[in-house]
mmCIF file of all heavy atoms, coordinates in Angstrom:
data_MODEL
# 
_entry.id   MODEL 
# 
loop_
_atom_site.group_PDB 
_atom_site.id 
_atom_site.type_symbol 
_atom_site.label_atom_id 
_atom_site.label_alt_id 
_atom_site.label_comp_id 
_atom_site.label_asym_id 
_atom_site.label_entity_id 
_atom_site.label_seq_id 
_atom_site.pdbx_PDB_ins_code 
_atom_site.Cartn_x 
_atom_site.Cartn_y 
_atom_site.Cartn_z 
_atom_site.occupancy 
_atom_site.B_iso_or_equiv 
_atom_site.pdbx_formal_charge 
_atom_site.auth_seq_id 
_atom_site.auth_comp_id 
_atom_site.auth_asym_id 
_atom_site.auth_atom_id 
_atom_site.pdbx_PDB_model_num 
ATOM 1   N N   . GLN A 1 1  ? 9.883  -10.739 -14.669 1.00 0.00 ? 1  GLN A N   1 
ATOM 2   C CA  . GLN A 1 1  ? 9.312  -9.533  -14.073 1.00 0.00 ? 1  GLN A CA  1 
ATOM 3   C C   . GLN A 1 1  ? 8.189  -9.886  -13.096 1.00 0.00 ? 1  GLN A C   1 
ATOM 4   O O   . GLN A 1 1  ? 8.074  -9.277  -12.023 1.00 0.00 ? 1  GLN A O   1 
ATOM 5   C CB  . GLN A 1 1  ? 8.786  -8.611  -15.170 1.00 0.00 ? 1  GLN A CB  1 
ATOM 6   C CG  . GLN A 1 1  ? 9.879  -7.980  -16.025 1.00 0.00 ? 1  GLN A CG  1 
ATOM 7   C CD  . GLN A 1 1  ? 9.341  -7.286  -17.258 1.00 0.00 ? 1  GLN A CD  1 
ATOM 8   O OE1 . GLN A 1 1  ? 8.232  -7.582  -17.722 1.00 0.00 ? 1  GLN A OE1 1 
ATOM 9   N NE2 . GLN A 1 1  ? 10.112 -6.364  -17.807 1.00 0.00 ? 1  GLN A NE2 1 
ATOM 10  N N   . LYS A 1 2  ? 7.382  -10.870 -13.467 1.00 0.00 ? 2  LYS A N   1 
ATOM 11  C CA  . LYS A 1 2  ? 6.284  -11.289 -12.593 1.00 0.00 ? 2  LYS A CA  1 
ATOM 12  C C   . LYS A 1 2  ? 6.815  -11.871 -11.286 1.00 0.00 ? 2  LYS A C   1 
ATOM 13  O O   . LYS A 1 2  ? 6.284  -11.586 -10.199 1.00 0.00 ? 2  LYS A O   1 
ATOM 14  C CB  . LYS A 1 2  ? 5.411  -12.314 -13.314 1.00 0.00 ? 2  LYS A CB  1 
ATOM 15  C CG  . LYS A 1 2  ? 4.184  -12.742 -12.519 1.00 0.00 ? 2  LYS A CG  1 
ATOM 16  C CD  . LYS A 1 2  ? 3.320  -13.725 -13.304 1.00 0.00 ? 2  LYS A CD  1 
ATOM 17  C CE  . LYS A 1 2  ? 2.109  -14.159 -12.484 1.00 0.00 ? 2  LYS A CE  1 
ATOM 18  N NZ  . LYS A 1 2  ? 1.284  -15.151 -13.221 1.00 0.00 ? 2  LYS A NZ  1 
ATOM 19  N N   . LEU A 1 3  ? 7.874  -12.686 -11.377 1.00 0.00 ? 3  LEU A N   1 
ATOM 20  C CA  . LEU A 1 3  ? 8.488  -13.241 -10.170 1.00 0.00 ? 3  LEU A CA  1 
ATOM 21  C C   . LEU A 1 3  ? 8.995  -12.122 -9.266  1.00 0.00 ? 3  LEU A C   1 
ATOM 22  O O   . LEU A 1 3  ? 8.797  -12.155 -8.042  1.00 0.00 ? 3  LEU A O   1 
ATOM 23  C CB  . LEU A 1 3  ? 9.635  -14.170 -10.563 1.00 0.00 ? 3  LEU A CB  1 
ATOM 24  C CG  . LEU A 1 3  ? 10.483 -14.724 -9.412  1.00 0.00 ? 3  LEU A CG  1 
ATOM 25  C CD1 . LEU A 1 3  ? 9.660  -15.665 -8.550  1.00 0.00 ? 3  LEU A CD1 1 
ATOM 26  C CD2 . LEU A 1 3  ? 11.718 -15.431 -9.953  1.00 0.00 ? 3  LEU A CD2 1 
ATOM 27  N N   . ILE A 1 4  ? 9.641  -11.144 -9.858  1.00 0.00 ? 4  ILE A N   1 
ATOM 28  C CA  . ILE A 1 4  ? 10.180 -10.017 -9.089  1.00 0.00 ? 4  ILE A CA  1 
ATOM 29  C C   . ILE A 1 4  ? 9.062  -9.237  -8.415  1.00 0.00 ? 4  ILE A C   1 
ATOM 30  O O   . ILE A 1 4  ? 9.189  -8.812  -7.257  1.00 0.00 ? 4  ILE A O   1 
ATOM 31  C CB  . ILE A 1 4  ? 11.029 -9.114  -10.006 1.00 0.00 ? 4  ILE A CB  1 
ATOM 32  C CG1 . ILE A 1 4  ? 12.309 -9.851  -10.419 1.00 0.00 ? 4  ILE A CG1 1 
ATOM 33  C CG2 . ILE A 1 4  ? 11.358 -7.792  -9.325  1.00 0.00 ? 4  ILE A CG2 1 
ATOM 34  C CD1 . ILE A 1 4  ? 13.088 -9.170  -11.511 1.00 0.00 ? 4  ILE A CD1 1 
ATOM 35  N N   . GLU A 1 5  ? 7.943  -9.058  -9.102  1.00 0.00 ? 5  GLU A N   1 
ATOM 36  C CA  . GLU A 1 5  ? 6.807  -8.343  -8.523  1.00 0.00 ? 5  GLU A CA  1 
ATOM 37  C C   . GLU A 1 5  ? 6.234  -9.083  -7.314  1.00 0.00 ? 5  GLU A C   1 
ATOM 38  O O   . GLU A 1 5  ? 5.733  -8.466  -6.375  1.00 0.00 ? 5  GLU A O   1 
ATOM 39  C CB  . GLU A 1 5  ? 5.719  -8.156  -9.578  1.00 0.00 ? 5  GLU A CB  1 
ATOM 40  C CG  . GLU A 1 5  ? 6.101  -7.152  -10.661 1.00 0.00 ? 5  GLU A CG  1 
ATOM 41  C CD  . GLU A 1 5  ? 5.186  -7.211  -11.873 1.00 0.00 ? 5  GLU A CD  1 
ATOM 42  O OE1 . GLU A 1 5  ? 4.198  -7.996  -11.827 1.00 0.00 ? 5  GLU A OE1 1 
ATOM 43  O OE2 . GLU A 1 5  ? 5.440  -6.489  -12.854 1.00 0.00 ? 5  GLU A OE2 1 
ATOM 44  N N   . GLU A 1 6  ? 6.303  -10.409 -7.333  1.00 0.00 ? 6  GLU A N   1 
ATOM 45  C CA  . GLU A 1 6  ? 5.792  -11.208 -6.221  1.00 0.00 ? 6  GLU A CA  1 
ATOM 46  C C   . GLU A 1 6  ? 6.703  -11.140 -5.004  1.00 0.00 ? 6  GLU A C   1 
ATOM 47  O O   . GLU A 1 6  ? 6.232  -11.295 -3.867  1.00 0.00 ? 6  GLU A O   1 
ATOM 48  C CB  . GLU A 1 6  ? 5.628  -12.665 -6.655  1.00 0.00 ? 6  GLU A CB  1 
ATOM 49  C CG  . GLU A 1 6  ? 4.548  -12.895 -7.697  1.00 0.00 ? 6  GLU A CG  1 
ATOM 50  C CD  . GLU A 1 6  ? 4.533  -14.332 -8.207  1.00 0.00 ? 6  GLU A CD  1 
ATOM 51  O OE1 . GLU A 1 6  ? 5.416  -15.111 -7.777  1.00 0.00 ? 6  GLU A OE1 1 
ATOM 52  O OE2 . GLU A 1 6  ? 3.645  -14.669 -9.005  1.00 0.00 ? 6  GLU A OE2 1 
ATOM 53  N N   . ILE A 1 7  ? 7.982  -10.926 -5.225  1.00 0.00 ? 7  ILE A N   1 
ATOM 54  C CA  . ILE A 1 7  ? 8.964  -11.047 -4.150  1.00 0.00 ? 7  ILE A CA  1 
ATOM 55  C C   . ILE A 1 7  ? 9.495  -9.699  -3.663  1.00 0.00 ? 7  ILE A C   1 
ATOM 56  O O   . ILE A 1 7  ? 9.719  -9.511  -2.465  1.00 0.00 ? 7  ILE A O   1 
ATOM 57  C CB  . ILE A 1 7  ? 10.136 -11.937 -4.615  1.00 0.00 ? 7  ILE A CB  1 
ATOM 58  C CG1 . ILE A 1 7  ? 9.641  -13.363 -4.843  1.00 0.00 ? 7  ILE A CG1 1 
ATOM 59  C CG2 . ILE A 1 7  ? 11.289 -11.913 -3.617  1.00 0.00 ? 7  ILE A CG2 1 
ATOM 60  C CD1 . ILE A 1 7  ? 10.674 -14.293 -5.417  1.00 0.00 ? 7  ILE A CD1 1 
ATOM 61  N N   . CYS A 1 8  ? 9.697  -8.772  -4.566  1.00 0.00 ? 8  CYS A N   1 
ATOM 62  C CA  . CYS A 1 8  ? 10.371 -7.516  -4.225  1.00 0.00 ? 8  CYS A CA  1 
ATOM 63  C C   . CYS A 1 8  ? 9.369  -6.406  -3.906  1.00 0.00 ? 8  CYS A C   1 
ATOM 64  O O   . CYS A 1 8  ? 8.294  -6.357  -4.485  1.00 0.00 ? 8  CYS A O   1 
ATOM 65  C CB  . CYS A 1 8  ? 11.283 -7.075  -5.369  1.00 0.00 ? 8  CYS A CB  1 
ATOM 66  S SG  . CYS A 1 8  ? 12.601 -8.249  -5.724  1.00 0.00 ? 8  CYS A SG  1 
ATOM 67  N N   . PRO A 1 9  ? 9.730  -5.494  -3.026  1.00 0.00 ? 9  PRO A N   1 
ATOM 68  C CA  . PRO A 1 9  ? 8.821  -4.404  -2.656  1.00 0.00 ? 9  PRO A CA  1 
ATOM 69  C C   . PRO A 1 9  ? 8.620  -3.421  -3.796  1.00 0.00 ? 9  PRO A C   1 
ATOM 70  O O   . PRO A 1 9  ? 9.502  -3.224  -4.637  1.00 0.00 ? 9  PRO A O   1 
ATOM 71  C CB  . PRO A 1 9  ? 9.546  -3.739  -1.477  1.00 0.00 ? 9  PRO A CB  1 
ATOM 72  C CG  . PRO A 1 9  ? 10.994 -4.055  -1.695  1.00 0.00 ? 9  PRO A CG  1 
ATOM 73  C CD  . PRO A 1 9  ? 11.018 -5.421  -2.309  1.00 0.00 ? 9  PRO A CD  1 
ATOM 74  N N   . ALA A 1 10 ? 7.465  -2.791  -3.804  1.00 0.00 ? 10 ALA A N   1 
ATOM 75  C CA  . ALA A 1 10 ? 7.189  -1.744  -4.783  1.00 0.00 ? 10 ALA A CA  1 
ATOM 76  C C   . ALA A 1 10 ? 7.830  -0.443  -4.322  1.00 0.00 ? 10 ALA A C   1 
ATOM 77  O O   . ALA A 1 10 ? 8.286  -0.313  -3.191  1.00 0.00 ? 10 ALA A O   1 
ATOM 78  C CB  . ALA A 1 10 ? 5.681  -1.579  -4.941  1.00 0.00 ? 10 ALA A CB  1 
ATOM 79  N N   . GLY A 1 11 ? 7.872  0.529   -5.218  1.00 0.00 ? 11 GLY A N   1 
ATOM 80  C CA  . GLY A 1 11 ? 8.396  1.833   -4.860  1.00 0.00 ? 11 GLY A CA  1 
ATOM 81  C C   . GLY A 1 11 ? 9.879  1.960   -5.137  1.00 0.00 ? 11 GLY A C   1 
ATOM 82  O O   . GLY A 1 11 ? 10.507 1.098   -5.770  1.00 0.00 ? 11 GLY A O   1 
ATOM 83  N N   . SER A 1 12 ? 10.443 3.044   -4.630  1.00 0.00 ? 12 SER A N   1 
ATOM 84  C CA  . SER A 1 12 ? 11.841 3.366   -4.888  1.00 0.00 ? 12 SER A CA  1 
ATOM 85  C C   . SER A 1 12 ? 12.738 2.896   -3.749  1.00 0.00 ? 12 SER A C   1 
ATOM 86  O O   . SER A 1 12 ? 12.259 2.459   -2.696  1.00 0.00 ? 12 SER A O   1 
ATOM 87  C CB  . SER A 1 12 ? 12.007 4.876   -5.058  1.00 0.00 ? 12 SER A CB  1 
ATOM 88  O OG  . SER A 1 12 ? 11.835 5.537   -3.809  1.00 0.00 ? 12 SER A OG  1 
ATOM 89  N N   . PHE A 1 13 ? 14.034 3.019   -3.961  1.00 0.00 ? 13 PHE A N   1 
ATOM 90  C CA  . PHE A 1 13 ? 14.999 2.657   -2.930  1.00 0.00 ? 13 PHE A CA  1 
ATOM 91  C C   . PHE A 1 13 ? 14.824 3.544   -1.698  1.00 0.00 ? 13 PHE A C   1 
ATOM 92  O O   . PHE A 1 13 ? 15.036 3.090   -0.566  1.00 0.00 ? 13 PHE A O   1 
ATOM 93  C CB  . PHE A 1 13 ? 16.429 2.790   -3.474  1.00 0.00 ? 13 PHE A CB  1 
ATOM 94  C CG  . PHE A 1 13 ? 16.814 1.711   -4.429  1.00 0.00 ? 13 PHE A CG  1 
ATOM 95  C CD1 . PHE A 1 13 ? 16.403 1.745   -5.758  1.00 0.00 ? 13 PHE A CD1 1 
ATOM 96  C CD2 . PHE A 1 13 ? 17.597 0.642   -4.017  1.00 0.00 ? 13 PHE A CD2 1 
ATOM 97  C CE1 . PHE A 1 13 ? 16.752 0.747   -6.643  1.00 0.00 ? 13 PHE A CE1 1 
ATOM 98  C CE2 . PHE A 1 13 ? 17.956 -0.367  -4.895  1.00 0.00 ? 13 PHE A CE2 1 
ATOM 99  C CZ  . PHE A 1 13 ? 17.534 -0.315  -6.215  1.00 0.00 ? 13 PHE A CZ  1 
ATOM 100 N N   . ALA A 1 14 ? 14.457 4.791   -1.920  1.00 0.00 ? 14 ALA A N   1 
ATOM 101 C CA  . ALA A 1 14 ? 14.275 5.723   -0.806  1.00 0.00 ? 14 ALA A CA  1 
ATOM 102 C C   . ALA A 1 14 ? 13.111 5.322   0.090   1.00 0.00 ? 14 ALA A C   1 
ATOM 103 O O   . ALA A 1 14 ? 13.045 5.746   1.251   1.00 0.00 ? 14 ALA A O   1 
ATOM 104 C CB  . ALA A 1 14 ? 14.056 7.134   -1.343  1.00 0.00 ? 14 ALA A CB  1 
ATOM 105 N N   . ASP A 1 15 ? 12.190 4.512   -0.414  1.00 0.00 ? 15 ASP A N   1 
ATOM 106 C CA  . ASP A 1 15 ? 11.023 4.104   0.368   1.00 0.00 ? 15 ASP A CA  1 
ATOM 107 C C   . ASP A 1 15 ? 11.308 2.925   1.296   1.00 0.00 ? 15 ASP A C   1 
ATOM 108 O O   . ASP A 1 15 ? 10.480 2.603   2.149   1.00 0.00 ? 15 ASP A O   1 
ATOM 109 C CB  . ASP A 1 15 ? 9.869  3.705   -0.573  1.00 0.00 ? 15 ASP A CB  1 
ATOM 110 C CG  . ASP A 1 15 ? 9.387  4.856   -1.434  1.00 0.00 ? 15 ASP A CG  1 
ATOM 111 O OD1 . ASP A 1 15 ? 9.431  6.004   -0.951  1.00 0.00 ? 15 ASP A OD1 1 
ATOM 112 O OD2 . ASP A 1 15 ? 8.984  4.609   -2.591  1.00 0.00 ? 15 ASP A OD2 1 
ATOM 113 N N   . LEU A 1 16 ? 12.446 2.271   1.133   1.00 0.00 ? 16 LEU A N   1 
ATOM 114 C CA  . LEU A 1 16 ? 12.719 1.038   1.870   1.00 0.00 ? 16 LEU A CA  1 
ATOM 115 C C   . LEU A 1 16 ? 13.137 1.305   3.310   1.00 0.00 ? 16 LEU A C   1 
ATOM 116 O O   . LEU A 1 16 ? 13.834 2.288   3.594   1.00 0.00 ? 16 LEU A O   1 
ATOM 117 C CB  . LEU A 1 16 ? 13.830 0.251   1.172   1.00 0.00 ? 16 LEU A CB  1 
ATOM 118 C CG  . LEU A 1 16 ? 13.522 -0.275  -0.235  1.00 0.00 ? 16 LEU A CG  1 
ATOM 119 C CD1 . LEU A 1 16 ? 14.763 -0.908  -0.841  1.00 0.00 ? 16 LEU A CD1 1 
ATOM 120 C CD2 . LEU A 1 16 ? 12.378 -1.277  -0.196  1.00 0.00 ? 16 LEU A CD2 1 
ATOM 121 N N   . PRO A 1 17 ? 12.753 0.430   4.232   1.00 0.00 ? 17 PRO A N   1 
ATOM 122 C CA  . PRO A 1 17 ? 13.194 0.559   5.623   1.00 0.00 ? 17 PRO A CA  1 
ATOM 123 C C   . PRO A 1 17 ? 14.645 0.144   5.829   1.00 0.00 ? 17 PRO A C   1 
ATOM 124 O O   . PRO A 1 17 ? 15.242 0.450   6.853   1.00 0.00 ? 17 PRO A O   1 
ATOM 125 C CB  . PRO A 1 17 ? 12.249 -0.375  6.381   1.00 0.00 ? 17 PRO A CB  1 
ATOM 126 C CG  . PRO A 1 17 ? 11.846 -1.398  5.374   1.00 0.00 ? 17 PRO A CG  1 
ATOM 127 C CD  . PRO A 1 17 ? 11.787 -0.675  4.058   1.00 0.00 ? 17 PRO A CD  1 
ATOM 128 N N   . GLN A 1 18 ? 15.211 -0.569  4.882   1.00 0.00 ? 18 GLN A N   1 
ATOM 129 C CA  . GLN A 1 18 ? 16.594 -1.062  4.947   1.00 0.00 ? 18 GLN A CA  1 
ATOM 130 C C   . GLN A 1 18 ? 17.348 -0.540  3.728   1.00 0.00 ? 18 GLN A C   1 
ATOM 131 O O   . GLN A 1 18 ? 16.847 -0.596  2.599   1.00 0.00 ? 18 GLN A O   1 
ATOM 132 C CB  . GLN A 1 18 ? 16.590 -2.597  4.931   1.00 0.00 ? 18 GLN A CB  1 
ATOM 133 C CG  . GLN A 1 18 ? 17.897 -3.254  4.572   1.00 0.00 ? 18 GLN A CG  1 
ATOM 134 C CD  . GLN A 1 18 ? 18.861 -3.316  5.744   1.00 0.00 ? 18 GLN A CD  1 
ATOM 135 O OE1 . GLN A 1 18 ? 18.535 -3.874  6.780   1.00 0.00 ? 18 GLN A OE1 1 
ATOM 136 N NE2 . GLN A 1 18 ? 20.034 -2.732  5.577   1.00 0.00 ? 18 GLN A NE2 1 
ATOM 137 N N   . ARG A 1 19 ? 18.556 -0.042  3.916   1.00 0.00 ? 19 ARG A N   1 
ATOM 138 C CA  . ARG A 1 19 ? 19.324 0.460   2.787   1.00 0.00 ? 19 ARG A CA  1 
ATOM 139 C C   . ARG A 1 19 ? 19.700 -0.701  1.867   1.00 0.00 ? 19 ARG A C   1 
ATOM 140 O O   . ARG A 1 19 ? 20.202 -1.734  2.306   1.00 0.00 ? 19 ARG A O   1 
ATOM 141 C CB  . ARG A 1 19 ? 20.585 1.171   3.272   1.00 0.00 ? 19 ARG A CB  1 
ATOM 142 C CG  . ARG A 1 19 ? 21.312 1.889   2.133   1.00 0.00 ? 19 ARG A CG  1 
ATOM 143 C CD  . ARG A 1 19 ? 22.537 2.607   2.618   1.00 0.00 ? 19 ARG A CD  1 
ATOM 144 N NE  . ARG A 1 19 ? 23.255 3.173   1.480   1.00 0.00 ? 19 ARG A NE  1 
ATOM 145 C CZ  . ARG A 1 19 ? 24.561 3.317   1.433   1.00 0.00 ? 19 ARG A CZ  1 
ATOM 146 N NH1 . ARG A 1 19 ? 25.309 2.952   2.466   1.00 0.00 ? 19 ARG A NH1 1 
ATOM 147 N NH2 . ARG A 1 19 ? 25.136 3.844   0.371   1.00 0.00 ? 19 ARG A NH2 1 
ATOM 148 N N   . LEU A 1 20 ? 19.476 -0.503  0.573   1.00 0.00 ? 20 LEU A N   1 
ATOM 149 C CA  . LEU A 1 20 ? 19.677 -1.542  -0.433  1.00 0.00 ? 20 LEU A CA  1 
ATOM 150 C C   . LEU A 1 20 ? 20.486 -0.994  -1.599  1.00 0.00 ? 20 LEU A C   1 
ATOM 151 O O   . LEU A 1 20 ? 20.259 0.131   -2.049  1.00 0.00 ? 20 LEU A O   1 
ATOM 152 C CB  . LEU A 1 20 ? 18.316 -2.042  -0.942  1.00 0.00 ? 20 LEU A CB  1 
ATOM 153 C CG  . LEU A 1 20 ? 18.303 -2.961  -2.171  1.00 0.00 ? 20 LEU A CG  1 
ATOM 154 C CD1 . LEU A 1 20 ? 18.912 -4.325  -1.828  1.00 0.00 ? 20 LEU A CD1 1 
ATOM 155 C CD2 . LEU A 1 20 ? 16.887 -3.110  -2.717  1.00 0.00 ? 20 LEU A CD2 1 
ATOM 156 N N   . LEU A 1 21 ? 21.409 -1.813  -2.110  1.00 0.00 ? 21 LEU A N   1 
ATOM 157 C CA  . LEU A 1 21 ? 22.152 -1.502  -3.326  1.00 0.00 ? 21 LEU A CA  1 
ATOM 158 C C   . LEU A 1 21 ? 21.964 -2.650  -4.306  1.00 0.00 ? 21 LEU A C   1 
ATOM 159 O O   . LEU A 1 21 ? 22.117 -3.816  -3.938  1.00 0.00 ? 21 LEU A O   1 
ATOM 160 C CB  . LEU A 1 21 ? 23.644 -1.323  -3.032  1.00 0.00 ? 21 LEU A CB  1 
ATOM 161 C CG  . LEU A 1 21 ? 24.040 -0.223  -2.044  1.00 0.00 ? 21 LEU A CG  1 
ATOM 162 C CD1 . LEU A 1 21 ? 25.552 -0.248  -1.816  1.00 0.00 ? 21 LEU A CD1 1 
ATOM 163 C CD2 . LEU A 1 21 ? 23.586 1.137   -2.528  1.00 0.00 ? 21 LEU A CD2 1 
ATOM 164 N N   . VAL A 1 22 ? 21.626 -2.328  -5.541  1.00 0.00 ? 22 VAL A N   1 
ATOM 165 C CA  . VAL A 1 22 ? 21.425 -3.335  -6.588  1.00 0.00 ? 22 VAL A CA  1 
ATOM 166 C C   . VAL A 1 22 ? 22.443 -3.092  -7.699  1.00 0.00 ? 22 VAL A C   1 
ATOM 167 O O   . VAL A 1 22 ? 22.472 -2.004  -8.294  1.00 0.00 ? 22 VAL A O   1 
ATOM 168 C CB  . VAL A 1 22 ? 19.983 -3.289  -7.137  1.00 0.00 ? 22 VAL A CB  1 
ATOM 169 C CG1 . VAL A 1 22 ? 19.856 -4.165  -8.386  1.00 0.00 ? 22 VAL A CG1 1 
ATOM 170 C CG2 . VAL A 1 22 ? 19.008 -3.759  -6.060  1.00 0.00 ? 22 VAL A CG2 1 
ATOM 171 N N   . ASN A 1 23 ? 23.241 -4.096  -7.980  1.00 0.00 ? 23 ASN A N   1 
ATOM 172 C CA  . ASN A 1 23 ? 24.355 -3.971  -8.910  1.00 0.00 ? 23 ASN A CA  1 
ATOM 173 C C   . ASN A 1 23 ? 23.954 -4.334  -10.332 1.00 0.00 ? 23 ASN A C   1 
ATOM 174 O O   . ASN A 1 23 ? 23.416 -5.410  -10.582 1.00 0.00 ? 23 ASN A O   1 
ATOM 175 C CB  . ASN A 1 23 ? 25.495 -4.887  -8.443  1.00 0.00 ? 23 ASN A CB  1 
ATOM 176 C CG  . ASN A 1 23 ? 26.733 -4.746  -9.287  1.00 0.00 ? 23 ASN A CG  1 
ATOM 177 O OD1 . ASN A 1 23 ? 27.079 -3.646  -9.717  1.00 0.00 ? 23 ASN A OD1 1 
ATOM 178 N ND2 . ASN A 1 23 ? 27.408 -5.853  -9.532  1.00 0.00 ? 23 ASN A ND2 1 
ATOM 179 N N   . THR A 1 24 ? 24.207 -3.419  -11.269 1.00 0.00 ? 24 THR A N   1 
ATOM 180 C CA  . THR A 1 24 ? 23.937 -3.657  -12.685 1.00 0.00 ? 24 THR A CA  1 
ATOM 181 C C   . THR A 1 24 ? 25.099 -3.113  -13.511 1.00 0.00 ? 24 THR A C   1 
ATOM 182 O O   . THR A 1 24 ? 26.026 -2.508  -12.979 1.00 0.00 ? 24 THR A O   1 
ATOM 183 C CB  . THR A 1 24 ? 22.636 -2.958  -13.149 1.00 0.00 ? 24 THR A CB  1 
ATOM 184 O OG1 . THR A 1 24 ? 22.850 -1.541  -13.156 1.00 0.00 ? 24 THR A OG1 1 
ATOM 185 C CG2 . THR A 1 24 ? 21.469 -3.292  -12.230 1.00 0.00 ? 24 THR A CG2 1 
ATOM 186 N N   . VAL A 1 25 ? 25.023 -3.334  -14.822 1.00 0.00 ? 25 VAL A N   1 
ATOM 187 C CA  . VAL A 1 25 ? 26.003 -2.782  -15.758 1.00 0.00 ? 25 VAL A CA  1 
ATOM 188 C C   . VAL A 1 25 ? 25.262 -2.092  -16.889 1.00 0.00 ? 25 VAL A C   1 
ATOM 189 O O   . VAL A 1 25 ? 24.307 -2.644  -17.443 1.00 0.00 ? 25 VAL A O   1 
ATOM 190 C CB  . VAL A 1 25 ? 26.918 -3.887  -16.326 1.00 0.00 ? 25 VAL A CB  1 
ATOM 191 C CG1 . VAL A 1 25 ? 27.722 -3.377  -17.510 1.00 0.00 ? 25 VAL A CG1 1 
ATOM 192 C CG2 . VAL A 1 25 ? 27.869 -4.399  -15.249 1.00 0.00 ? 25 VAL A CG2 1 
# 
């Protein structure tokens, strides 16, 4: 989680300047 916080943007998908899809199950 700490690594992800360092690398990935905060906020929701709607806040991003680029459309993003994250695949989970």
